[in-house]
Amino acid sequence: NQNTPVPVVTVEGITEYRLPNGLKIVLYPENSKPTATVNMTYLVGSRHENYGETGMAHLLEHLMFKGSEHYPCPTAEFTKRGFRINGSTWIDRTNYHVSFTANDENMKWVLGWQADAMVNSFIAKKDLETEMTVVRNEYEMGENRPSSVLLKRMQSVMFDWHSYGRSTIGARSDIENVEIENLQAFYRRYYQPDNAVLTVTGNFQVEAVLGWIGERFGSIPKPTRKLPKEWTVEPTADGEREFTVRRPGEMQMLMVGYRVPAALHPDYEPTAMASMILSDAPTGRLYKELVETGLASQVFGWMIPGYHPGFVVFGAMVNKNDPIEPVKQKLIEVIEKALTREPASLQEVER
């Protein structure tokens, strides 16, 4: 049967399957609780947006909940059935997940909705007009959050050419003015089975779920379109860069960023581990050197992994009237030299 998912590999109870149309399926049966979760990840994010379309991947995420041909009012059904649903958009991917009480009827309904949403979503102008204001409100909330403002500026300074230099939320003018035809074309190009990963976890019977997946997704044809090629490589940085953001507030925030290897590069995991050893609170190196000494009131660190080389940021909160230069010097010193002076201990790694 051409609609039957074919197993590819199993690792620690997690099995990957494929359909002939290119859909990847990951099943992880875990029956300790009476719940299940279905997650659909599309391998498209803000990295794939073009000029004038920033924020469009996130806008499309909102429109996907506004209905499709056979599921015209999904949010009403989510509420009626007691489902917990959400979606998120990031630089490389967009995902939609639904958690529910595990039974056959709920599972079949969710899989049917995900399949219909993949190729039959309305993506209608009337919905764009309302959801645009919702997304614009998210943009405005971010503009009032110091960490979001600083991270957005950090991305733009760190990348000259690669689209990781653009924030996922997008430019306000793009959010307000992008045309529905652009969103529809983006949807048709990227929301296809060969660009998606369906994950099912929780309490379910594997053979039954595989059959329902085959019935609902197997009939979706493999697309004939070719996804756009990507060839932009961010050149090696030629020196330090600094920027200042001036806004009213009662605290100062300092942030330092470094470009890091892509998430699948062999050096990524050691880099992520080093980031955690440095930034963890209250046990990390930065906390001990900056917070416990009174230089800063708080420290943080975030890895931003990517399909292409991403970045990591470290930062500190400083009282409004305290000098920031000593904090900056100590922050950079600890990040760049602490693990050379004193390599990570077994206790730090295990923690």
C-alpha atoms as a PDB file:
ATOM      1  CA  ASN A   1       0.000   0.000   0.000  1.00  0.00           C
ATOM      2  CA  GLN A   2       1.608   3.272  -1.139  1.00  0.00           C
ATOM      3  CA  ASN A   3      -0.098   5.111   1.743  1.00  0.00           C
ATOM      4  CA  THR A   4       1.590   2.980   4.415  1.00  0.00           C
ATOM      5  CA  PRO A   5       4.387   4.724   6.335  1.00  0.00           C
ATOM      6  CA  VAL A   6       7.691   2.876   5.956  1.00  0.00           C
ATOM      7  CA  PRO A   7       9.988   2.576   8.998  1.00  0.00           C
ATOM      8  CA  VAL A   8      13.410   4.208   8.618  1.00  0.00           C
ATOM      9  CA  VAL A   9      15.184   3.986  11.978  1.00  0.00           C
ATOM     10  CA  THR A  10      14.472   3.368  15.672  1.00  0.00           C
ATOM     11  CA  VAL A  11      16.486   4.925  18.496  1.00  0.00           C
ATOM     12  CA  GLU A  12      15.597   4.384  22.173  1.00  0.00           C
ATOM     13  CA  GLY A  13      11.950   3.644  21.445  1.00  0.00           C
ATOM     14  CA  ILE A  14      11.497   6.525  18.994  1.00  0.00           C
ATOM     15  CA  THR A  15      10.823   5.438  15.405  1.00  0.00           C
ATOM     16  CA  GLU A  16      10.974   7.486  12.212  1.00  0.00           C
ATOM     17  CA  TYR A  17       8.806   6.577   9.225  1.00  0.00           C
ATOM     18  CA  ARG A  18       8.373   8.021   5.726  1.00  0.00           C
ATOM     19  CA  LEU A  19       5.501   8.305   3.288  1.00  0.00           C
ATOM     20  CA  PRO A  20       6.138   8.262  -0.487  1.00  0.00           C
ATOM     21  CA  ASN A  21       5.098  11.938  -0.663  1.00  0.00           C
ATOM     22  CA  GLY A  22       8.081  12.837   1.530  1.00  0.00           C
ATOM     23  CA  LEU A  23       6.358  13.301   4.892  1.00  0.00           C
ATOM     24  CA  LYS A  24       8.585  12.370   7.829  1.00  0.00           C
ATOM     25  CA  ILE A  25       6.779  10.770  10.781  1.00  0.00           C
ATOM     26  CA  VAL A  26       8.206  10.312  14.271  1.00  0.00           C
ATOM     27  CA  LEU A  27       6.341   8.130  16.794  1.00  0.00           C
ATOM     28  CA  TYR A  28       7.158   7.884  20.487  1.00  0.00           C
ATOM     29  CA  PRO A  29       4.601   5.733  22.351  1.00  0.00           C
ATOM     30  CA  GLU A  30       4.727   6.396  26.089  1.00  0.00           C
ATOM     31  CA  ASN A  31       1.708   5.066  27.953  1.00  0.00           C
ATOM     32  CA  SER A  32       2.331   6.257  31.518  1.00  0.00           C
ATOM     33  CA  LYS A  33      -0.296   9.012  31.194  1.00  0.00           C
ATOM     34  CA  PRO A  34      -3.742   9.040  29.511  1.00  0.00           C
ATOM     35  CA  THR A  35      -2.764  11.824  27.101  1.00  0.00           C
ATOM     36  CA  ALA A  36      -1.212  12.229  23.665  1.00  0.00           C
ATOM     37  CA  THR A  37       0.316  15.064  21.640  1.00  0.00           C
ATOM     38  CA  VAL A  38       0.421  15.571  17.880  1.00  0.00           C
ATOM     39  CA  ASN A  39       2.947  18.094  16.589  1.00  0.00           C
ATOM     40  CA  MET A  40       3.441  19.207  12.992  1.00  0.00           C
ATOM     41  CA  THR A  41       6.688  20.998  12.220  1.00  0.00           C
ATOM     42  CA  TYR A  42       7.162  22.720   8.857  1.00  0.00           C
ATOM     43  CA  LEU A  43      10.785  23.317   7.926  1.00  0.00           C
ATOM     44  CA  VAL A  44      10.229  26.989   7.208  1.00  0.00           C
ATOM     45  CA  GLY A  45      10.762  30.066   9.342  1.00  0.00           C
ATOM     46  CA  SER A  46      11.811  33.680   9.169  1.00  0.00           C
ATOM     47  CA  ARG A  47      15.038  32.639   7.439  1.00  0.00           C
ATOM     48  CA  HIS A  48      12.993  31.963   4.273  1.00  0.00           C
ATOM     49  CA  GLU A  49      11.278  35.359   4.047  1.00  0.00           C
ATOM     50  CA  ASN A  50      12.115  37.788   1.266  1.00  0.00           C
ATOM     51  CA  TYR A  51      12.410  41.572   1.163  1.00  0.00           C
ATOM     52  CA  GLY A  52       9.153  43.198   2.295  1.00  0.00           C
ATOM     53  CA  GLU A  53       7.934  39.917   3.793  1.00  0.00           C
ATOM     54  CA  THR A  54       9.579  39.923   7.232  1.00  0.00           C
ATOM     55  CA  GLY A  55       7.268  38.502   9.870  1.00  0.00           C
ATOM     56  CA  MET A  56       5.300  36.610   7.218  1.00  0.00           C
ATOM     57  CA  ALA A  57       6.114  33.110   8.530  1.00  0.00           C
ATOM     58  CA  HIS A  58       4.660  34.137  11.899  1.00  0.00           C
ATOM     59  CA  LEU A  59       1.614  35.744  10.299  1.00  0.00           C
ATOM     60  CA  LEU A  60       0.970  32.534   8.414  1.00  0.00           C
ATOM     61  CA  GLU A  61       1.129  30.577  11.666  1.00  0.00           C
ATOM     62  CA  HIS A  62      -1.778  32.680  12.937  1.00  0.00           C
ATOM     63  CA  LEU A  63      -3.787  32.210   9.749  1.00  0.00           C
ATOM     64  CA  MET A  64      -3.428  28.420   9.920  1.00  0.00           C
ATOM     65  CA  PHE A  65      -5.771  28.363  12.920  1.00  0.00           C
ATOM     66  CA  LYS A  66      -8.515  30.184  10.975  1.00  0.00           C
ATOM     67  CA  GLY A  67      -9.787  27.078   9.211  1.00  0.00           C
ATOM     68  CA  SER A  68      -9.515  24.828   6.166  1.00  0.00           C
ATOM     69  CA  GLU A  69     -11.888  23.211   3.692  1.00  0.00           C
ATOM     70  CA  HIS A  70     -13.047  20.318   5.887  1.00  0.00           C
ATOM     71  CA  TYR A  71     -12.279  21.932   9.264  1.00  0.00           C
ATOM     72  CA  PRO A  72     -13.676  25.460   8.895  1.00  0.00           C
ATOM     73  CA  CYS A  73     -13.727  26.315  12.646  1.00  0.00           C
ATOM     74  CA  PRO A  74     -10.910  24.343  14.294  1.00  0.00           C
ATOM     75  CA  THR A  75     -10.506  26.600  17.339  1.00  0.00           C
ATOM     76  CA  ALA A  76     -14.151  26.045  18.320  1.00  0.00           C
ATOM     77  CA  GLU A  77     -13.562  22.298  18.108  1.00  0.00           C
ATOM     78  CA  PHE A  78     -10.369  22.587  20.154  1.00  0.00           C
ATOM     79  CA  THR A  79     -12.355  24.285  22.928  1.00  0.00           C
ATOM     80  CA  LYS A  80     -15.305  21.887  22.694  1.00  0.00           C
ATOM     81  CA  ARG A  81     -13.034  18.855  22.932  1.00  0.00           C
ATOM     82  CA  GLY A  82     -10.828  20.288  25.695  1.00  0.00           C
ATOM     83  CA  PHE A  83      -7.674  20.256  23.562  1.00  0.00           C
ATOM     84  CA  ARG A  84      -4.580  22.291  24.464  1.00  0.00           C
ATOM     85  CA  ILE A  85      -3.206  23.848  21.310  1.00  0.00           C
ATOM     86  CA  ASN A  86      -0.531  26.308  20.272  1.00  0.00           C
ATOM     87  CA  GLY A  87       1.896  27.200  17.525  1.00  0.00           C
ATOM     88  CA  SER A  88       5.270  28.900  17.315  1.00  0.00           C
ATOM     89  CA  THR A  89       7.538  30.361  14.655  1.00  0.00           C
ATOM     90  CA  TRP A  90      11.309  30.631  14.758  1.00  0.00           C
ATOM     91  CA  ILE A  91      14.191  31.219  12.374  1.00  0.00           C
ATOM     92  CA  ASP A  92      14.146  27.756  10.761  1.00  0.00           C
ATOM     93  CA  ARG A  93      10.759  26.207  11.549  1.00  0.00           C
ATOM     94  CA  THR A  94       7.071  26.679  12.345  1.00  0.00           C
ATOM     95  CA  ASN A  95       5.153  24.180  14.459  1.00  0.00           C
ATOM     96  CA  TYR A  96       1.586  23.395  15.535  1.00  0.00           C
ATOM     97  CA  HIS A  97       0.918  21.104  18.482  1.00  0.00           C
ATOM     98  CA  VAL A  98      -2.242  19.698  20.036  1.00  0.00           C
ATOM     99  CA  SER A  99      -2.400  17.795  23.347  1.00  0.00           C
ATOM    100  CA  PHE A 100      -5.526  15.860  24.334  1.00  0.00           C
ATOM    101  CA  THR A 101      -7.063  13.009  26.276  1.00  0.00           C
ATOM    102  CA  ALA A 102      -5.904   9.886  24.494  1.00  0.00           C
ATOM    103  CA  ASN A 103      -8.638   8.065  22.597  1.00  0.00           C
ATOM    104  CA  ASP A 104      -9.177   6.995  19.004  1.00  0.00           C
ATOM    105  CA  GLU A 105     -11.735   9.681  18.169  1.00  0.00           C
ATOM    106  CA  ASN A 106      -9.531  12.555  19.355  1.00  0.00           C
ATOM    107  CA  MET A 107      -6.447  11.161  17.595  1.00  0.00           C
ATOM    108  CA  LYS A 108      -8.272  10.716  14.286  1.00  0.00           C
ATOM    109  CA  TRP A 109      -9.751  14.216  14.495  1.00  0.00           C
ATOM    110  CA  VAL A 110      -6.380  15.878  15.176  1.00  0.00           C
ATOM    111  CA  LEU A 111      -4.597  13.963  12.412  1.00  0.00           C
ATOM    112  CA  GLY A 112      -7.411  14.843  10.004  1.00  0.00           C
ATOM    113  CA  TRP A 113      -7.168  18.530  10.885  1.00  0.00           C
ATOM    114  CA  GLN A 114      -3.386  18.581  10.488  1.00  0.00           C
ATOM    115  CA  ALA A 115      -3.657  16.903   7.060  1.00  0.00           C
ATOM    116  CA  ASP A 116      -6.381  19.266   5.851  1.00  0.00           C
ATOM    117  CA  ALA A 117      -4.537  22.310   7.186  1.00  0.00           C
ATOM    118  CA  MET A 118      -1.449  21.288   5.240  1.00  0.00           C
ATOM    119  CA  VAL A 119      -3.047  21.712   1.808  1.00  0.00           C
ATOM    120  CA  ASN A 120      -6.562  23.165   2.213  1.00  0.00           C
ATOM    121  CA  SER A 121      -6.191  26.103   4.616  1.00  0.00           C
ATOM    122  CA  PHE A 122      -8.172  29.204   3.653  1.00  0.00           C
ATOM    123  CA  ILE A 123      -5.376  31.800   4.126  1.00  0.00           C
ATOM    124  CA  ALA A 124      -8.050  34.440   3.537  1.00  0.00           C
ATOM    125  CA  LYS A 125      -7.731  38.218   3.306  1.00  0.00           C
ATOM    126  CA  LYS A 126     -10.456  38.776   5.916  1.00  0.00           C
ATOM    127  CA  ASP A 127      -8.457  36.742   8.425  1.00  0.00           C
ATOM    128  CA  LEU A 128      -5.237  38.567   7.583  1.00  0.00           C
ATOM    129  CA  GLU A 129      -6.924  41.879   8.413  1.00  0.00           C
ATOM    130  CA  THR A 130      -7.742  40.702  11.947  1.00  0.00           C
ATOM    131  CA  GLU A 131      -4.640  38.626  12.667  1.00  0.00           C
ATOM    132  CA  MET A 132      -2.359  41.424  11.474  1.00  0.00           C
ATOM    133  CA  THR A 133      -3.476  43.493  14.461  1.00  0.00           C
ATOM    134  CA  VAL A 134      -2.819  40.578  16.829  1.00  0.00           C
ATOM    135  CA  VAL A 135       0.702  40.131  15.459  1.00  0.00           C
ATOM    136  CA  ARG A 136       1.287  43.883  15.550  1.00  0.00           C
ATOM    137  CA  ASN A 137       0.365  43.825  19.241  1.00  0.00           C
ATOM    138  CA  GLU A 138       2.982  41.097  19.764  1.00  0.00           C
ATOM    139  CA  TYR A 139       5.503  43.303  17.963  1.00  0.00           C
ATOM    140  CA  GLU A 140       4.643  46.247  20.239  1.00  0.00           C
ATOM    141  CA  MET A 141       4.945  44.108  23.364  1.00  0.00           C
ATOM    142  CA  GLY A 142       8.414  43.083  22.214  1.00  0.00           C
ATOM    143  CA  GLU A 143       9.363  46.719  21.702  1.00  0.00           C
ATOM    144  CA  ASN A 144       8.518  47.312  25.370  1.00  0.00           C
ATOM    145  CA  ARG A 145      10.658  44.395  26.574  1.00  0.00           C
ATOM    146  CA  PRO A 146      14.354  45.369  26.900  1.00  0.00           C
ATOM    147  CA  SER A 147      15.699  41.865  26.244  1.00  0.00           C
ATOM    148  CA  SER A 148      13.675  41.585  23.020  1.00  0.00           C
ATOM    149  CA  VAL A 149      14.812  44.994  21.789  1.00  0.00           C
ATOM    150  CA  LEU A 150      18.459  44.239  22.516  1.00  0.00           C
ATOM    151  CA  LEU A 151      18.294  40.774  20.942  1.00  0.00           C
ATOM    152  CA  LYS A 152      16.727  42.205  17.799  1.00  0.00           C
ATOM    153  CA  ARG A 153      19.509  44.778  17.463  1.00  0.00           C
ATOM    154  CA  MET A 154      22.114  42.134  18.254  1.00  0.00           C
ATOM    155  CA  GLN A 155      20.942  39.961  15.358  1.00  0.00           C
ATOM    156  CA  SER A 156      21.070  42.848  12.905  1.00  0.00           C
ATOM    157  CA  VAL A 157      24.620  43.787  13.948  1.00  0.00           C
ATOM    158  CA  MET A 158      25.890  40.216  14.011  1.00  0.00           C
ATOM    159  CA  PHE A 159      24.822  39.250  10.474  1.00  0.00           C
ATOM    160  CA  ASP A 160      25.475  41.441   7.436  1.00  0.00           C
ATOM    161  CA  TRP A 161      23.953  39.165   4.795  1.00  0.00           C
ATOM    162  CA  HIS A 162      22.373  36.060   6.249  1.00  0.00           C
ATOM    163  CA  SER A 163      18.658  36.232   7.116  1.00  0.00           C
ATOM    164  CA  TYR A 164      19.401  35.262  10.724  1.00  0.00           C
ATOM    165  CA  GLY A 165      20.075  38.985  11.048  1.00  0.00           C
ATOM    166  CA  ARG A 166      16.329  39.632  10.902  1.00  0.00           C
ATOM    167  CA  SER A 167      14.054  39.158  13.889  1.00  0.00           C
ATOM    168  CA  THR A 168      11.277  36.566  13.458  1.00  0.00           C
ATOM    169  CA  ILE A 169       8.607  39.103  14.466  1.00  0.00           C
ATOM    170  CA  GLY A 170       9.528  41.213  11.411  1.00  0.00           C
ATOM    171  CA  ALA A 171       9.355  44.907  10.603  1.00  0.00           C
ATOM    172  CA  ARG A 172       6.181  46.716  11.619  1.00  0.00           C
ATOM    173  CA  SER A 173       5.679  48.083   8.090  1.00  0.00           C
ATOM    174  CA  ASP A 174       5.910  44.554   6.636  1.00  0.00           C
ATOM    175  CA  ILE A 175       3.457  43.165   9.194  1.00  0.00           C
ATOM    176  CA  GLU A 176       0.979  45.913   8.363  1.00  0.00           C
ATOM    177  CA  ASN A 177       1.307  45.840   4.576  1.00  0.00           C
ATOM    178  CA  VAL A 178       2.188  42.351   3.342  1.00  0.00           C
ATOM    179  CA  GLU A 179      -0.349  41.215   0.752  1.00  0.00           C
ATOM    180  CA  ILE A 180      -2.444  38.079   1.057  1.00  0.00           C
ATOM    181  CA  GLU A 181      -1.102  36.809  -2.273  1.00  0.00           C
ATOM    182  CA  ASN A 182       2.408  36.713  -0.786  1.00  0.00           C
ATOM    183  CA  LEU A 183       1.171  34.677   2.184  1.00  0.00           C
ATOM    184  CA  GLN A 184      -0.729  32.287  -0.067  1.00  0.00           C
ATOM    185  CA  ALA A 185       2.323  31.716  -2.267  1.00  0.00           C
ATOM    186  CA  PHE A 186       4.508  31.161   0.829  1.00  0.00           C
ATOM    187  CA  TYR A 187       1.964  28.636   2.136  1.00  0.00           C
ATOM    188  CA  ARG A 188       1.744  26.707  -1.126  1.00  0.00           C
ATOM    189  CA  ARG A 189       5.512  26.585  -1.467  1.00  0.00           C
ATOM    190  CA  TYR A 190       6.504  25.467   2.008  1.00  0.00           C
ATOM    191  CA  TYR A 191       3.457  23.785   3.578  1.00  0.00           C
ATOM    192  CA  GLN A 192       3.871  20.487   1.767  1.00  0.00           C
ATOM    193  CA  PRO A 193       4.511  16.922   2.955  1.00  0.00           C
ATOM    194  CA  ASP A 194       8.127  16.844   1.764  1.00  0.00           C
ATOM    195  CA  ASN A 195       8.890  19.850   3.984  1.00  0.00           C
ATOM    196  CA  ALA A 196       7.188  18.647   7.167  1.00  0.00           C
ATOM    197  CA  VAL A 197       7.739  16.384  10.176  1.00  0.00           C
ATOM    198  CA  LEU A 198       4.735  14.877  11.984  1.00  0.00           C
ATOM    199  CA  THR A 199       5.429  13.778  15.572  1.00  0.00           C
ATOM    200  CA  VAL A 200       3.041  11.761  17.746  1.00  0.00           C
ATOM    201  CA  THR A 201       3.872  11.098  21.405  1.00  0.00           C
ATOM    202  CA  GLY A 202       2.024   9.709  24.396  1.00  0.00           C
ATOM    203  CA  ASN A 203      -0.619   7.047  24.892  1.00  0.00           C
ATOM    204  CA  PHE A 204      -1.557   5.446  21.558  1.00  0.00           C
ATOM    205  CA  GLN A 205      -1.393   2.216  19.583  1.00  0.00           C
ATOM    206  CA  VAL A 206       1.353   2.422  16.975  1.00  0.00           C
ATOM    207  CA  GLU A 207      -0.261   0.296  14.256  1.00  0.00           C
ATOM    208  CA  ALA A 208      -3.582   2.109  14.503  1.00  0.00           C
ATOM    209  CA  VAL A 209      -1.960   5.555  14.346  1.00  0.00           C
ATOM    210  CA  LEU A 210       0.205   4.558  11.388  1.00  0.00           C
ATOM    211  CA  GLY A 211      -2.932   3.461   9.562  1.00  0.00           C
ATOM    212  CA  TRP A 212      -4.749   6.721  10.264  1.00  0.00           C
ATOM    213  CA  ILE A 213      -1.701   8.748   9.209  1.00  0.00           C
ATOM    214  CA  GLY A 214      -1.538   6.795   5.952  1.00  0.00           C
ATOM    215  CA  GLU A 215      -5.244   7.382   5.294  1.00  0.00           C
ATOM    216  CA  ARG A 216      -5.111  11.113   5.956  1.00  0.00           C
ATOM    217  CA  PHE A 217      -1.690  12.117   4.663  1.00  0.00           C
ATOM    218  CA  GLY A 218      -0.860   9.412   2.139  1.00  0.00           C
ATOM    219  CA  SER A 219      -3.251  10.777  -0.477  1.00  0.00           C
ATOM    220  CA  ILE A 220      -1.576  14.199  -0.482  1.00  0.00           C
ATOM    221  CA  PRO A 221       0.534  14.223  -3.654  1.00  0.00           C
ATOM    222  CA  LYS A 222       4.258  14.749  -3.531  1.00  0.00           C
ATOM    223  CA  PRO A 223       4.794  18.309  -4.779  1.00  0.00           C
ATOM    224  CA  THR A 224       6.404  18.929  -8.130  1.00  0.00           C
ATOM    225  CA  ARG A 225       7.765  22.322  -7.138  1.00  0.00           C
ATOM    226  CA  LYS A 226      11.408  22.692  -6.135  1.00  0.00           C
ATOM    227  CA  LEU A 227      12.213  24.526  -2.943  1.00  0.00           C
ATOM    228  CA  PRO A 228      14.394  27.615  -3.488  1.00  0.00           C
ATOM    229  CA  LYS A 229      18.127  27.010  -3.177  1.00  0.00           C
ATOM    230  CA  GLU A 230      20.032  28.863  -0.479  1.00  0.00           C
ATOM    231  CA  TRP A 231      23.618  29.950  -1.030  1.00  0.00           C
ATOM    232  CA  THR A 232      24.187  32.947   1.234  1.00  0.00           C
ATOM    233  CA  VAL A 233      27.075  32.333   3.651  1.00  0.00           C
ATOM    234  CA  GLU A 234      27.843  34.925   6.314  1.00  0.00           C
ATOM    235  CA  PRO A 235      31.514  35.945   5.907  1.00  0.00           C
ATOM    236  CA  THR A 236      33.954  35.694   8.786  1.00  0.00           C
ATOM    237  CA  ALA A 237      33.675  38.692  11.096  1.00  0.00           C
ATOM    238  CA  ASP A 238      36.499  41.202  10.726  1.00  0.00           C
ATOM    239  CA  GLY A 239      36.415  42.685  14.205  1.00  0.00           C
ATOM    240  CA  GLU A 240      34.311  43.543  17.228  1.00  0.00           C
ATOM    241  CA  ARG A 241      31.131  45.569  16.801  1.00  0.00           C
ATOM    242  CA  GLU A 242      29.354  47.641  19.417  1.00  0.00           C
ATOM    243  CA  PHE A 243      25.956  49.288  19.540  1.00  0.00           C
ATOM    244  CA  THR A 244      23.880  51.197  22.075  1.00  0.00           C
ATOM    245  CA  VAL A 245      20.109  51.293  22.475  1.00  0.00           C
ATOM    246  CA  ARG A 246      18.733  54.220  24.475  1.00  0.00           C
ATOM    247  CA  ARG A 247      15.286  53.811  26.051  1.00  0.00           C
ATOM    248  CA  PRO A 248      13.710  55.090  29.302  1.00  0.00           C
ATOM    249  CA  GLY A 249      14.016  52.573  32.153  1.00  0.00           C
ATOM    250  CA  GLU A 250      15.206  51.809  35.658  1.00  0.00           C
ATOM    251  CA  MET A 251      17.916  49.251  34.777  1.00  0.00           C
ATOM    252  CA  GLN A 252      20.799  48.899  32.350  1.00  0.00           C
ATOM    253  CA  MET A 253      21.164  45.752  30.273  1.00  0.00           C
ATOM    254  CA  LEU A 254      24.414  44.601  28.743  1.00  0.00           C
ATOM    255  CA  MET A 255      24.524  41.893  26.066  1.00  0.00           C
ATOM    256  CA  VAL A 256      27.458  40.192  24.310  1.00  0.00           C
ATOM    257  CA  GLY A 257      26.990  37.918  21.303  1.00  0.00           C
ATOM    258  CA  TYR A 258      29.128  35.382  19.429  1.00  0.00           C
ATOM    259  CA  ARG A 259      28.451  33.429  16.263  1.00  0.00           C
ATOM    260  CA  VAL A 260      28.468  29.650  16.790  1.00  0.00           C
ATOM    261  CA  PRO A 261      28.433  26.516  14.590  1.00  0.00           C
ATOM    262  CA  ALA A 262      25.229  25.153  13.069  1.00  0.00           C
ATOM    263  CA  ALA A 263      23.152  22.911  15.326  1.00  0.00           C
ATOM    264  CA  LEU A 264      24.236  19.711  13.533  1.00  0.00           C
ATOM    265  CA  HIS A 265      27.940  20.585  13.510  1.00  0.00           C
ATOM    266  CA  PRO A 266      30.082  18.393  15.819  1.00  0.00           C
ATOM    267  CA  ASP A 267      31.225  21.490  17.734  1.00  0.00           C
ATOM    268  CA  TYR A 268      27.698  22.676  18.520  1.00  0.00           C
ATOM    269  CA  GLU A 269      26.999  20.498  21.581  1.00  0.00           C
ATOM    270  CA  PRO A 270      30.306  21.335  23.311  1.00  0.00           C
ATOM    271  CA  THR A 271      29.567  25.012  22.639  1.00  0.00           C
ATOM    272  CA  ALA A 272      26.073  24.671  24.113  1.00  0.00           C
ATOM    273  CA  MET A 273      27.484  22.906  27.174  1.00  0.00           C
ATOM    274  CA  ALA A 274      30.039  25.674  27.685  1.00  0.00           C
ATOM    275  CA  SER A 275      27.253  28.250  27.411  1.00  0.00           C
ATOM    276  CA  MET A 276      25.280  26.531  30.175  1.00  0.00           C
ATOM    277  CA  ILE A 277      28.323  26.208  32.444  1.00  0.00           C
ATOM    278  CA  LEU A 278      28.965  29.924  32.052  1.00  0.00           C
ATOM    279  CA  SER A 279      25.421  31.285  32.301  1.00  0.00           C
ATOM    280  CA  ASP A 280      23.545  28.996  34.689  1.00  0.00           C
ATOM    281  CA  ALA A 281      22.213  30.685  37.825  1.00  0.00           C
ATOM    282  CA  PRO A 282      23.140  30.444  40.626  1.00  0.00           C
ATOM    283  CA  THR A 283      25.906  27.905  39.902  1.00  0.00           C
ATOM    284  CA  GLY A 284      27.419  29.303  36.683  1.00  0.00           C
ATOM    285  CA  ARG A 285      30.732  31.075  36.255  1.00  0.00           C
ATOM    286  CA  LEU A 286      29.134  34.401  35.263  1.00  0.00           C
ATOM    287  CA  TYR A 287      26.840  34.389  38.299  1.00  0.00           C
ATOM    288  CA  LYS A 288      29.753  33.857  40.646  1.00  0.00           C
ATOM    289  CA  GLU A 289      31.929  36.543  39.008  1.00  0.00           C
ATOM    290  CA  LEU A 290      29.300  39.215  38.432  1.00  0.00           C
ATOM    291  CA  VAL A 291      26.296  38.705  40.716  1.00  0.00           C
ATOM    292  CA  GLU A 292      28.007  37.405  43.848  1.00  0.00           C
ATOM    293  CA  THR A 293      30.563  40.228  43.599  1.00  0.00           C
ATOM    294  CA  GLY A 294      27.844  42.875  43.247  1.00  0.00           C
ATOM    295  CA  LEU A 295      28.796  43.999  39.735  1.00  0.00           C
ATOM    296  CA  ALA A 296      25.435  42.895  38.292  1.00  0.00           C
ATOM    297  CA  SER A 297      22.031  41.999  39.689  1.00  0.00           C
ATOM    298  CA  GLN A 298      21.364  39.233  37.184  1.00  0.00           C
ATOM    299  CA  VAL A 299      23.115  37.307  34.398  1.00  0.00           C
ATOM    300  CA  PHE A 300      21.777  35.200  31.519  1.00  0.00           C
ATOM    301  CA  GLY A 301      22.811  33.292  28.429  1.00  0.00           C
ATOM    302  CA  TRP A 302      20.887  31.900  25.439  1.00  0.00           C
ATOM    303  CA  MET A 303      21.995  29.637  22.635  1.00  0.00           C
ATOM    304  CA  ILE A 304      20.214  30.396  19.346  1.00  0.00           C
ATOM    305  CA  PRO A 305      20.801  27.195  17.358  1.00  0.00           C
ATOM    306  CA  GLY A 306      20.273  27.209  13.613  1.00  0.00           C
ATOM    307  CA  TYR A 307      20.244  25.034  10.540  1.00  0.00           C
ATOM    308  CA  HIS A 308      23.022  27.383   9.436  1.00  0.00           C
ATOM    309  CA  PRO A 309      25.614  28.794  11.878  1.00  0.00           C
ATOM    310  CA  GLY A 310      23.686  30.586  14.637  1.00  0.00           C
ATOM    311  CA  PHE A 311      24.715  32.577  17.673  1.00  0.00           C
ATOM    312  CA  VAL A 312      24.858  32.711  21.452  1.00  0.00           C
ATOM    313  CA  VAL A 313      24.248  35.727  23.674  1.00  0.00           C
ATOM    314  CA  PHE A 314      25.285  36.414  27.256  1.00  0.00           C
ATOM    315  CA  GLY A 315      24.146  39.342  29.318  1.00  0.00           C
ATOM    316  CA  ALA A 316      23.860  41.103  32.641  1.00  0.00           C
ATOM    317  CA  MET A 317      21.424  43.450  34.365  1.00  0.00           C
ATOM    318  CA  VAL A 318      23.091  46.456  35.992  1.00  0.00           C
ATOM    319  CA  ASN A 319      21.638  49.054  38.345  1.00  0.00           C
ATOM    320  CA  LYS A 320      20.728  52.306  36.609  1.00  0.00           C
ATOM    321  CA  ASN A 321      23.391  54.473  38.247  1.00  0.00           C
ATOM    322  CA  ASP A 322      26.245  51.947  38.293  1.00  0.00           C
ATOM    323  CA  PRO A 323      29.087  52.156  35.748  1.00  0.00           C
ATOM    324  CA  ILE A 324      28.645  49.667  32.924  1.00  0.00           C
ATOM    325  CA  GLU A 325      32.231  49.473  31.626  1.00  0.00           C
ATOM    326  CA  PRO A 326      33.586  47.296  34.489  1.00  0.00           C
ATOM    327  CA  VAL A 327      30.679  44.898  34.000  1.00  0.00           C
ATOM    328  CA  LYS A 328      31.361  44.716  30.271  1.00  0.00           C
ATOM    329  CA  GLN A 329      35.057  43.981  30.803  1.00  0.00           C
ATOM    330  CA  LYS A 330      34.394  41.288  33.405  1.00  0.00           C
ATOM    331  CA  LEU A 331      31.607  39.714  31.326  1.00  0.00           C
ATOM    332  CA  ILE A 332      33.874  39.373  28.268  1.00  0.00           C
ATOM    333  CA  GLU A 333      36.794  38.172  30.364  1.00  0.00           C
ATOM    334  CA  VAL A 334      34.790  35.358  31.962  1.00  0.00           C
ATOM    335  CA  ILE A 335      33.199  34.273  28.659  1.00  0.00           C
ATOM    336  CA  GLU A 336      36.460  34.197  26.734  1.00  0.00           C
ATOM    337  CA  LYS A 337      38.989  33.094  29.379  1.00  0.00           C
ATOM    338  CA  ALA A 338      37.315  31.368  32.333  1.00  0.00           C
ATOM    339  CA  LEU A 339      37.186  27.908  30.772  1.00  0.00           C
ATOM    340  CA  THR A 340      40.808  28.219  29.613  1.00  0.00           C
ATOM    341  CA  ARG A 341      42.026  29.147  33.075  1.00  0.00           C
ATOM    342  CA  GLU A 342      39.890  26.499  34.767  1.00  0.00           C
ATOM    343  CA  PRO A 343      38.446  23.774  32.509  1.00  0.00           C
ATOM    344  CA  ALA A 344      34.907  22.577  33.194  1.00  0.00           C
ATOM    345  CA  SER A 345      34.706  20.161  36.104  1.00  0.00           C
ATOM    346  CA  LEU A 346      32.858  16.849  35.987  1.00  0.00           C
ATOM    347  CA  GLN A 347      30.369  18.282  38.459  1.00  0.00           C
ATOM    348  CA  GLU A 348      29.627  21.245  36.158  1.00  0.00           C
ATOM    349  CA  VAL A 349      29.165  18.980  33.143  1.00  0.00           C
ATOM    350  CA  GLU A 350      26.864  16.558  34.976  1.00  0.00           C
ATOM    351  CA  ARG A 351      24.810  19.378  36.464  1.00  0.00           C
END
